[in-house]
Amino acid sequence: MGPVIVVCPTYNNENPDDSADYSLVLQLTDNYHNELVNDLIPAVEGTYRTYAEGTSAQALEASRDHRAFAGFSMGSVATWHTFQYCLDYFLVFAGWH
């Protein structure tokens, strides 16, 4: 296997009060894709040597074949929303419950 970059972010601010509020958790996972595409992916792609030729939406979409997204438990919900909204940015999706 060639070199790989693994990024393990969370949709949750890790506040125990927020984690206990299921409706808030659903809202956070539903909105997570915005931060992912607008902030996190460009930060990683702009910092490390990757297949992306830049951090514009067009460059990130062109390099989607080299990006995957996966999550476990509520992360699988985030994975589903990422699939729903960000299909142009990722080739592979995996969600486990």
PDB file of N, CA and C in Angstrom:
ATOM      1  N   MET A   1       0.847  -1.178   0.000  1.00  0.00           N
ATOM      2  CA  MET A   1       0.000   0.000   0.000  1.00  0.00           C
ATOM      3  C   MET A   1       0.887   1.234   0.000  1.00  0.00           C
ATOM      4  N   GLY A   2       0.498   2.210  -0.767  1.00  0.00           N
ATOM      5  CA  GLY A   2       1.236   3.459  -0.819  1.00  0.00           C
ATOM      6  C   GLY A   2       0.941   4.335   0.381  1.00  0.00           C
ATOM      7  N   PRO A   3       1.611   5.457   0.460  1.00  0.00           N
ATOM      8  CA  PRO A   3       1.368   6.383   1.564  1.00  0.00           C
ATOM      9  C   PRO A   3      -0.095   6.820   1.599  1.00  0.00           C
ATOM     10  N   VAL A   4      -0.580   7.064   2.799  1.00  0.00           N
ATOM     11  CA  VAL A   4      -1.970   7.465   2.977  1.00  0.00           C
ATOM     12  C   VAL A   4      -2.058   8.493   4.112  1.00  0.00           C
ATOM     13  N   ILE A   5      -2.985   9.403   3.996  1.00  0.00           N
ATOM     14  CA  ILE A   5      -3.253  10.374   5.048  1.00  0.00           C
ATOM     15  C   ILE A   5      -4.608  10.015   5.637  1.00  0.00           C
ATOM     16  N   VAL A   6      -4.665   9.811   6.941  1.00  0.00           N
ATOM     17  CA  VAL A   6      -5.915   9.500   7.625  1.00  0.00           C
ATOM     18  C   VAL A   6      -6.236  10.676   8.547  1.00  0.00           C
ATOM     19  N   VAL A   7      -7.414  11.229   8.387  1.00  0.00           N
ATOM     20  CA  VAL A   7      -7.875  12.349   9.208  1.00  0.00           C
ATOM     21  C   VAL A   7      -9.097  11.864   9.972  1.00  0.00           C
ATOM     22  N   CYS A   8      -9.100  12.056  11.280  1.00  0.00           N
ATOM     23  CA  CYS A   8     -10.195  11.562  12.137  1.00  0.00           C
ATOM     24  C   CYS A   8     -10.885  12.719  12.854  1.00  0.00           C
ATOM     25  N   PRO A   9     -11.690  13.478  12.140  1.00  0.00           N
ATOM     26  CA  PRO A   9     -12.404  14.599  12.773  1.00  0.00           C
ATOM     27  C   PRO A   9     -13.702  14.123  13.418  1.00  0.00           C
ATOM     28  N   THR A  10     -14.364  15.014  14.110  1.00  0.00           N
ATOM     29  CA  THR A  10     -15.669  14.715  14.693  1.00  0.00           C
ATOM     30  C   THR A  10     -16.636  15.842  14.360  1.00  0.00           C
ATOM     31  N   TYR A  11     -17.889  15.497  14.256  1.00  0.00           N
ATOM     32  CA  TYR A  11     -18.932  16.498  14.062  1.00  0.00           C
ATOM     33  C   TYR A  11     -19.304  17.131  15.399  1.00  0.00           C
ATOM     34  N   ASN A  12     -18.860  16.531  16.496  1.00  0.00           N
ATOM     35  CA  ASN A  12     -19.310  16.887  17.842  1.00  0.00           C
ATOM     36  C   ASN A  12     -18.252  17.741  18.536  1.00  0.00           C
ATOM     37  N   ASN A  13     -18.695  18.747  19.271  1.00  0.00           N
ATOM     38  CA  ASN A  13     -17.744  19.559  20.027  1.00  0.00           C
ATOM     39  C   ASN A  13     -17.331  18.880  21.330  1.00  0.00           C
ATOM     40  N   GLU A  14     -17.794  17.648  21.532  1.00  0.00           N
ATOM     41  CA  GLU A  14     -17.450  16.796  22.671  1.00  0.00           C
ATOM     42  C   GLU A  14     -17.952  17.318  24.012  1.00  0.00           C
ATOM     43  N   ASN A  15     -18.919  18.199  23.977  1.00  0.00           N
ATOM     44  CA  ASN A  15     -19.567  18.660  25.196  1.00  0.00           C
ATOM     45  C   ASN A  15     -20.570  17.587  25.612  1.00  0.00           C
ATOM     46  N   PRO A  16     -20.453  17.037  26.823  1.00  0.00           N
ATOM     47  CA  PRO A  16     -21.376  15.970  27.252  1.00  0.00           C
ATOM     48  C   PRO A  16     -22.849  16.363  27.148  1.00  0.00           C
ATOM     49  N   ASP A  17     -23.162  17.633  27.377  1.00  0.00           N
ATOM     50  CA  ASP A  17     -24.553  18.078  27.264  1.00  0.00           C
ATOM     51  C   ASP A  17     -25.046  17.978  25.826  1.00  0.00           C
ATOM     52  N   ASP A  18     -24.191  18.347  24.879  1.00  0.00           N
ATOM     53  CA  ASP A  18     -24.565  18.259  23.470  1.00  0.00           C
ATOM     54  C   ASP A  18     -24.690  16.806  23.025  1.00  0.00           C
ATOM     55  N   SER A  19     -23.797  15.950  23.491  1.00  0.00           N
ATOM     56  CA  SER A  19     -23.824  14.540  23.104  1.00  0.00           C
ATOM     57  C   SER A  19     -25.106  13.857  23.564  1.00  0.00           C
ATOM     58  N   ALA A  20     -25.690  14.327  24.646  1.00  0.00           N
ATOM     59  CA  ALA A  20     -26.905  13.725  25.181  1.00  0.00           C
ATOM     60  C   ALA A  20     -28.159  14.206  24.450  1.00  0.00           C
ATOM     61  N   ASP A  21     -28.035  15.251  23.671  1.00  0.00           N
ATOM     62  CA  ASP A  21     -29.177  15.826  22.953  1.00  0.00           C
ATOM     63  C   ASP A  21     -29.215  15.244  21.541  1.00  0.00           C
ATOM     64  N   TYR A  22     -30.018  14.183  21.357  1.00  0.00           N
ATOM     65  CA  TYR A  22     -30.035  13.467  20.088  1.00  0.00           C
ATOM     66  C   TYR A  22     -30.469  14.351  18.926  1.00  0.00           C
ATOM     67  N   SER A  23     -31.420  15.248  19.145  1.00  0.00           N
ATOM     68  CA  SER A  23     -31.858  16.117  18.054  1.00  0.00           C
ATOM     69  C   SER A  23     -30.727  17.065  17.635  1.00  0.00           C
ATOM     70  N   LEU A  24     -29.924  17.517  18.584  1.00  0.00           N
ATOM     71  CA  LEU A  24     -28.773  18.354  18.243  1.00  0.00           C
ATOM     72  C   LEU A  24     -27.727  17.544  17.487  1.00  0.00           C
ATOM     73  N   VAL A  25     -27.502  16.299  17.926  1.00  0.00           N
ATOM     74  CA  VAL A  25     -26.552  15.433  17.238  1.00  0.00           C
ATOM     75  C   VAL A  25     -26.965  15.248  15.783  1.00  0.00           C
ATOM     76  N   LEU A  26     -28.235  15.024  15.530  1.00  0.00           N
ATOM     77  CA  LEU A  26     -28.714  14.873  14.150  1.00  0.00           C
ATOM     78  C   LEU A  26     -28.503  16.156  13.347  1.00  0.00           C
ATOM     79  N   GLN A  27     -28.734  17.291  13.978  1.00  0.00           N
ATOM     80  CA  GLN A  27     -28.501  18.567  13.299  1.00  0.00           C
ATOM     81  C   GLN A  27     -27.018  18.757  12.988  1.00  0.00           C
ATOM     82  N   LEU A  28     -26.151  18.417  13.939  1.00  0.00           N
ATOM     83  CA  LEU A  28     -24.709  18.557  13.725  1.00  0.00           C
ATOM     84  C   LEU A  28     -24.220  17.649  12.599  1.00  0.00           C
ATOM     85  N   THR A  29     -24.703  16.397  12.572  1.00  0.00           N
ATOM     86  CA  THR A  29     -24.274  15.492  11.503  1.00  0.00           C
ATOM     87  C   THR A  29     -24.821  15.945  10.156  1.00  0.00           C
ATOM     88  N   ASP A  30     -26.012  16.522  10.138  1.00  0.00           N
ATOM     89  CA  ASP A  30     -26.589  16.983   8.882  1.00  0.00           C
ATOM     90  C   ASP A  30     -25.839  18.180   8.328  1.00  0.00           C
ATOM     91  N   ASN A  31     -25.270  18.999   9.183  1.00  0.00           N
ATOM     92  CA  ASN A  31     -24.535  20.190   8.742  1.00  0.00           C
ATOM     93  C   ASN A  31     -23.031  19.967   8.616  1.00  0.00           C
ATOM     94  N   TYR A  32     -22.551  18.825   9.062  1.00  0.00           N
ATOM     95  CA  TYR A  32     -21.120  18.535   9.092  1.00  0.00           C
ATOM     96  C   TYR A  32     -20.454  18.670   7.718  1.00  0.00           C
ATOM     97  N   HIS A  33     -21.157  18.288   6.681  1.00  0.00           N
ATOM     98  CA  HIS A  33     -20.564  18.316   5.343  1.00  0.00           C
ATOM     99  C   HIS A  33     -20.100  19.711   4.934  1.00  0.00           C
ATOM    100  N   ASN A  34     -20.746  20.749   5.443  1.00  0.00           N
ATOM    101  CA  ASN A  34     -20.335  22.116   5.100  1.00  0.00           C
ATOM    102  C   ASN A  34     -18.922  22.411   5.601  1.00  0.00           C
ATOM    103  N   GLU A  35     -18.666  22.104   6.859  1.00  0.00           N
ATOM    104  CA  GLU A  35     -17.323  22.318   7.414  1.00  0.00           C
ATOM    105  C   GLU A  35     -16.309  21.403   6.740  1.00  0.00           C
ATOM    106  N   LEU A  36     -16.721  20.188   6.461  1.00  0.00           N
ATOM    107  CA  LEU A  36     -15.835  19.223   5.816  1.00  0.00           C
ATOM    108  C   LEU A  36     -15.334  19.736   4.466  1.00  0.00           C
ATOM    109  N   VAL A  37     -16.247  20.159   3.618  1.00  0.00           N
ATOM    110  CA  VAL A  37     -15.890  20.581   2.263  1.00  0.00           C
ATOM    111  C   VAL A  37     -15.273  21.973   2.226  1.00  0.00           C
ATOM    112  N   ASN A  38     -15.765  22.869   3.062  1.00  0.00           N
ATOM    113  CA  ASN A  38     -15.289  24.257   3.006  1.00  0.00           C
ATOM    114  C   ASN A  38     -14.027  24.508   3.807  1.00  0.00           C
ATOM    115  N   ASP A  39     -13.780  23.709   4.859  1.00  0.00           N
ATOM    116  CA  ASP A  39     -12.650  23.981   5.747  1.00  0.00           C
ATOM    117  C   ASP A  39     -11.662  22.821   5.856  1.00  0.00           C
ATOM    118  N   LEU A  40     -12.164  21.654   6.239  1.00  0.00           N
ATOM    119  CA  LEU A  40     -11.259  20.547   6.562  1.00  0.00           C
ATOM    120  C   LEU A  40     -10.524  19.993   5.347  1.00  0.00           C
ATOM    121  N   ILE A  41     -11.243  19.637   4.304  1.00  0.00           N
ATOM    122  CA  ILE A  41     -10.569  19.075   3.124  1.00  0.00           C
ATOM    123  C   ILE A  41      -9.573  20.078   2.535  1.00  0.00           C
ATOM    124  N   PRO A  42      -9.952  21.338   2.328  1.00  0.00           N
ATOM    125  CA  PRO A  42      -8.964  22.287   1.811  1.00  0.00           C
ATOM    126  C   PRO A  42      -7.748  22.448   2.731  1.00  0.00           C
ATOM    127  N   ALA A  43      -7.947  22.373   4.042  1.00  0.00           N
ATOM    128  CA  ALA A  43      -6.815  22.496   4.974  1.00  0.00           C
ATOM    129  C   ALA A  43      -5.847  21.330   4.804  1.00  0.00           C
ATOM    130  N   VAL A  44      -6.378  20.129   4.710  1.00  0.00           N
ATOM    131  CA  VAL A  44      -5.520  18.946   4.551  1.00  0.00           C
ATOM    132  C   VAL A  44      -4.866  18.958   3.173  1.00  0.00           C
ATOM    133  N   GLU A  45      -5.657  19.165   2.141  1.00  0.00           N
ATOM    134  CA  GLU A  45      -5.122  19.141   0.768  1.00  0.00           C
ATOM    135  C   GLU A  45      -4.134  20.285   0.521  1.00  0.00           C
ATOM    136  N   GLY A  46      -4.332  21.409   1.214  1.00  0.00           N
ATOM    137  CA  GLY A  46      -3.425  22.539   1.051  1.00  0.00           C
ATOM    138  C   GLY A  46      -2.159  22.437   1.876  1.00  0.00           C
ATOM    139  N   THR A  47      -2.149  21.549   2.872  1.00  0.00           N
ATOM    140  CA  THR A  47      -0.991  21.396   3.758  1.00  0.00           C
ATOM    141  C   THR A  47      -0.071  20.270   3.312  1.00  0.00           C
ATOM    142  N   TYR A  48      -0.653  19.185   2.832  1.00  0.00           N
ATOM    143  CA  TYR A  48       0.125  17.997   2.484  1.00  0.00           C
ATOM    144  C   TYR A  48       0.156  17.794   0.975  1.00  0.00           C
ATOM    145  N   ARG A  49       1.154  17.073   0.533  1.00  0.00           N
ATOM    146  CA  ARG A  49       1.281  16.747  -0.885  1.00  0.00           C
ATOM    147  C   ARG A  49       0.286  15.628  -1.204  1.00  0.00           C
ATOM    148  N   THR A  50      -0.718  15.951  -1.995  1.00  0.00           N
ATOM    149  CA  THR A  50      -1.778  15.003  -2.322  1.00  0.00           C
ATOM    150  C   THR A  50      -2.002  15.007  -3.833  1.00  0.00           C
ATOM    151  N   TYR A  51      -3.030  14.331  -4.262  1.00  0.00           N
ATOM    152  CA  TYR A  51      -3.376  14.291  -5.678  1.00  0.00           C
ATOM    153  C   TYR A  51      -4.103  15.551  -6.138  1.00  0.00           C
ATOM    154  N   ALA A  52      -4.610  16.334  -5.220  1.00  0.00           N
ATOM    155  CA  ALA A  52      -5.311  17.563  -5.594  1.00  0.00           C
ATOM    156  C   ALA A  52      -4.314  18.593  -6.099  1.00  0.00           C
ATOM    157  N   GLU A  53      -4.674  19.262  -7.174  1.00  0.00           N
ATOM    158  CA  GLU A  53      -3.803  20.285  -7.747  1.00  0.00           C
ATOM    159  C   GLU A  53      -4.089  21.667  -7.168  1.00  0.00           C
ATOM    160  N   GLY A  54      -4.883  21.713  -6.128  1.00  0.00           N
ATOM    161  CA  GLY A  54      -5.228  22.966  -5.467  1.00  0.00           C
ATOM    162  C   GLY A  54      -6.351  22.704  -4.484  1.00  0.00           C
ATOM    163  N   THR A  55      -6.876  23.774  -3.913  1.00  0.00           N
ATOM    164  CA  THR A  55      -7.942  23.620  -2.918  1.00  0.00           C
ATOM    165  C   THR A  55      -9.279  24.191  -3.395  1.00  0.00           C
ATOM    166  N   SER A  56      -9.373  24.532  -4.665  1.00  0.00           N
ATOM    167  CA  SER A  56     -10.655  24.994  -5.200  1.00  0.00           C
ATOM    168  C   SER A  56     -11.615  23.807  -5.275  1.00  0.00           C
ATOM    169  N   ALA A  57     -12.888  24.102  -5.354  1.00  0.00           N
ATOM    170  CA  ALA A  57     -13.889  23.039  -5.485  1.00  0.00           C
ATOM    171  C   ALA A  57     -13.595  22.180  -6.714  1.00  0.00           C
ATOM    172  N   GLN A  58     -13.193  22.804  -7.798  1.00  0.00           N
ATOM    173  CA  GLN A  58     -12.905  22.056  -9.023  1.00  0.00           C
ATOM    174  C   GLN A  58     -11.723  21.112  -8.839  1.00  0.00           C
ATOM    175  N   ALA A  59     -10.669  21.576  -8.169  1.00  0.00           N
ATOM    176  CA  ALA A  59      -9.489  20.734  -7.940  1.00  0.00           C
ATOM    177  C   ALA A  59      -9.819  19.588  -6.993  1.00  0.00           C
ATOM    178  N   LEU A  60     -10.619  19.857  -5.978  1.00  0.00           N
ATOM    179  CA  LEU A  60     -10.984  18.802  -5.031  1.00  0.00           C
ATOM    180  C   LEU A  60     -11.901  17.772  -5.683  1.00  0.00           C
ATOM    181  N   GLU A  61     -12.805  18.219  -6.524  1.00  0.00           N
ATOM    182  CA  GLU A  61     -13.674  17.290  -7.248  1.00  0.00           C
ATOM    183  C   GLU A  61     -12.858  16.441  -8.219  1.00  0.00           C
ATOM    184  N   ALA A  62     -11.868  17.033  -8.866  1.00  0.00           N
ATOM    185  CA  ALA A  62     -11.035  16.296  -9.828  1.00  0.00           C
ATOM    186  C   ALA A  62     -10.199  15.218  -9.153  1.00  0.00           C
ATOM    187  N   SER A  63      -9.930  15.369  -7.861  1.00  0.00           N
ATOM    188  CA  SER A  63      -9.092  14.394  -7.145  1.00  0.00           C
ATOM    189  C   SER A  63      -9.916  13.454  -6.256  1.00  0.00           C
ATOM    190  N   ARG A  64     -11.218  13.387  -6.448  1.00  0.00           N
ATOM    191  CA  ARG A  64     -12.118  12.587  -5.601  1.00  0.00           C
ATOM    192  C   ARG A  64     -11.769  11.110  -5.594  1.00  0.00           C
ATOM    193  N   ASP A  65     -11.150  10.604  -6.674  1.00  0.00           N
ATOM    194  CA  ASP A  65     -10.809   9.179  -6.747  1.00  0.00           C
ATOM    195  C   ASP A  65      -9.778   8.769  -5.702  1.00  0.00           C
ATOM    196  N   HIS A  66      -9.191   9.730  -5.026  1.00  0.00           N
ATOM    197  CA  HIS A  66      -8.154   9.461  -4.024  1.00  0.00           C
ATOM    198  C   HIS A  66      -8.626   9.819  -2.620  1.00  0.00           C
ATOM    199  N   ARG A  67      -9.939   9.849  -2.408  1.00  0.00           N
ATOM    200  CA  ARG A  67     -10.480  10.247  -1.111  1.00  0.00           C
ATOM    201  C   ARG A  67     -11.615   9.305  -0.712  1.00  0.00           C
ATOM    202  N   ALA A  68     -11.654   8.946   0.575  1.00  0.00           N
ATOM    203  CA  ALA A  68     -12.712   8.082   1.116  1.00  0.00           C
ATOM    204  C   ALA A  68     -13.241   8.686   2.401  1.00  0.00           C
ATOM    205  N   PHE A  69     -14.445   8.270   2.786  1.00  0.00           N
ATOM    206  CA  PHE A  69     -15.058   8.748   4.028  1.00  0.00           C
ATOM    207  C   PHE A  69     -15.721   7.570   4.713  1.00  0.00           C
ATOM    208  N   ALA A  70     -15.473   7.418   6.009  1.00  0.00           N
ATOM    209  CA  ALA A  70     -16.062   6.301   6.758  1.00  0.00           C
ATOM    210  C   ALA A  70     -16.393   6.751   8.172  1.00  0.00           C
ATOM    211  N   GLY A  71     -17.357   6.059   8.779  1.00  0.00           N
ATOM    212  CA  GLY A  71     -17.722   6.387  10.147  1.00  0.00           C
ATOM    213  C   GLY A  71     -18.399   5.225  10.836  1.00  0.00           C
ATOM    214  N   PHE A  72     -18.329   5.233  12.144  1.00  0.00           N
ATOM    215  CA  PHE A  72     -18.924   4.192  12.976  1.00  0.00           C
ATOM    216  C   PHE A  72     -19.975   4.816  13.878  1.00  0.00           C
ATOM    217  N   SER A  73     -21.072   4.148  14.075  1.00  0.00           N
ATOM    218  CA  SER A  73     -22.157   4.590  14.947  1.00  0.00           C
ATOM    219  C   SER A  73     -22.723   5.911  14.421  1.00  0.00           C
ATOM    220  N   MET A  74     -22.714   6.994  15.187  1.00  0.00           N
ATOM    221  CA  MET A  74     -23.216   8.268  14.665  1.00  0.00           C
ATOM    222  C   MET A  74     -22.340   8.754  13.514  1.00  0.00           C
ATOM    223  N   GLY A  75     -21.111   8.287  13.469  1.00  0.00           N
ATOM    224  CA  GLY A  75     -20.251   8.584  12.320  1.00  0.00           C
ATOM    225  C   GLY A  75     -20.794   7.990  11.037  1.00  0.00           C
ATOM    226  N   SER A  76     -21.546   6.888  11.149  1.00  0.00           N
ATOM    227  CA  SER A  76     -22.178   6.330   9.947  1.00  0.00           C
ATOM    228  C   SER A  76     -23.295   7.250   9.466  1.00  0.00           C
ATOM    229  N   VAL A  77     -23.940   7.950  10.391  1.00  0.00           N
ATOM    230  CA  VAL A  77     -24.937   8.950  10.005  1.00  0.00           C
ATOM    231  C   VAL A  77     -24.231  10.108   9.298  1.00  0.00           C
ATOM    232  N   ALA A  78     -23.100  10.540   9.833  1.00  0.00           N
ATOM    233  CA  ALA A  78     -22.309  11.585   9.170  1.00  0.00           C
ATOM    234  C   ALA A  78     -21.844  11.099   7.800  1.00  0.00           C
ATOM    235  N   THR A  79     -21.499   9.809   7.707  1.00  0.00           N
ATOM    236  CA  THR A  79     -21.090   9.243   6.420  1.00  0.00           C
ATOM    237  C   THR A  79     -22.239   9.324   5.421  1.00  0.00           C
ATOM    238  N   TRP A  80     -23.448   8.970   5.863  1.00  0.00           N
ATOM    239  CA  TRP A  80     -24.601   9.036   4.975  1.00  0.00           C
ATOM    240  C   TRP A  80     -24.830  10.461   4.487  1.00  0.00           C
ATOM    241  N   HIS A  81     -24.769  11.446   5.383  1.00  0.00           N
ATOM    242  CA  HIS A  81     -24.974  12.831   4.972  1.00  0.00           C
ATOM    243  C   HIS A  81     -23.846  13.308   4.057  1.00  0.00           C
ATOM    244  N   THR A  82     -22.629  12.842   4.314  1.00  0.00           N
ATOM    245  CA  THR A  82     -21.508  13.195   3.437  1.00  0.00           C
ATOM    246  C   THR A  82     -21.737  12.606   2.049  1.00  0.00           C
ATOM    247  N   PHE A  83     -22.212  11.362   1.998  1.00  0.00           N
ATOM    248  CA  PHE A  83     -22.569  10.748   0.714  1.00  0.00           C
ATOM    249  C   PHE A  83     -23.668  11.556   0.027  1.00  0.00           C
ATOM    250  N   GLN A  84     -24.648  11.950   0.791  1.00  0.00           N
ATOM    251  CA  GLN A  84     -25.792  12.687   0.256  1.00  0.00           C
ATOM    252  C   GLN A  84     -25.378  14.033  -0.346  1.00  0.00           C
ATOM    253  N   TYR A  85     -24.479  14.745   0.329  1.00  0.00           N
ATOM    254  CA  TYR A  85     -24.132  16.097  -0.084  1.00  0.00           C
ATOM    255  C   TYR A  85     -22.776  16.240  -0.785  1.00  0.00           C
ATOM    256  N   CYS A  86     -21.881  15.265  -0.642  1.00  0.00           N
ATOM    257  CA  CYS A  86     -20.494  15.455  -1.094  1.00  0.00           C
ATOM    258  C   CYS A  86     -20.010  14.349  -2.023  1.00  0.00           C
ATOM    259  N   LEU A  87     -20.902  13.764  -2.779  1.00  0.00           N
ATOM    260  CA  LEU A  87     -20.523  12.680  -3.675  1.00  0.00           C
ATOM    261  C   LEU A  87     -19.432  13.107  -4.653  1.00  0.00           C
ATOM    262  N   ASP A  88     -19.385  14.368  -5.000  1.00  0.00           N
ATOM    263  CA  ASP A  88     -18.374  14.863  -5.938  1.00  0.00           C
ATOM    264  C   ASP A  88     -16.969  14.917  -5.339  1.00  0.00           C
ATOM    265  N   TYR A  89     -16.856  14.758  -4.006  1.00  0.00           N
ATOM    266  CA  TYR A  89     -15.562  14.910  -3.343  1.00  0.00           C
ATOM    267  C   TYR A  89     -14.943  13.594  -2.873  1.00  0.00           C
ATOM    268  N   PHE A  90     -15.718  12.509  -2.844  1.00  0.00           N
ATOM    269  CA  PHE A  90     -15.239  11.222  -2.334  1.00  0.00           C
ATOM    270  C   PHE A  90     -15.636  10.100  -3.275  1.00  0.00           C
ATOM    271  N   LEU A  91     -14.744   9.131  -3.442  1.00  0.00           N
ATOM    272  CA  LEU A  91     -15.049   7.962  -4.262  1.00  0.00           C
ATOM    273  C   LEU A  91     -15.651   6.832  -3.429  1.00  0.00           C
ATOM    274  N   VAL A  92     -15.135   6.653  -2.216  1.00  0.00           N
ATOM    275  CA  VAL A  92     -15.525   5.506  -1.385  1.00  0.00           C
ATOM    276  C   VAL A  92     -16.178   5.998  -0.103  1.00  0.00           C
ATOM    277  N   PHE A  93     -17.272   5.326   0.281  1.00  0.00           N
ATOM    278  CA  PHE A  93     -17.974   5.611   1.527  1.00  0.00           C
ATOM    279  C   PHE A  93     -18.184   4.306   2.269  1.00  0.00           C
ATOM    280  N   ALA A  94     -17.986   4.323   3.582  1.00  0.00           N
ATOM    281  CA  ALA A  94     -18.234   3.135   4.398  1.00  0.00           C
ATOM    282  C   ALA A  94     -18.811   3.587   5.728  1.00  0.00           C
ATOM    283  N   GLY A  95     -19.947   3.019   6.089  1.00  0.00           N
ATOM    284  CA  GLY A  95     -20.568   3.342   7.369  1.00  0.00           C
ATOM    285  C   GLY A  95     -20.937   2.076   8.107  1.00  0.00           C
ATOM    286  N   TRP A  96     -20.620   2.024   9.368  1.00  0.00           N
ATOM    287  CA  TRP A  96     -20.926   0.866  10.197  1.00  0.00           C
ATOM    288  C   TRP A  96     -21.760   1.309  11.380  1.00  0.00           C
ATOM    289  N   HIS A  97     -22.671   0.468  11.766  1.00  0.00           N
ATOM    290  CA  HIS A  97     -23.465   0.787  12.942  1.00  0.00           C
ATOM    291  C   HIS A  97     -23.273  -0.299  13.983  1.00  0.00           C
TER     292      HIS A  97
END
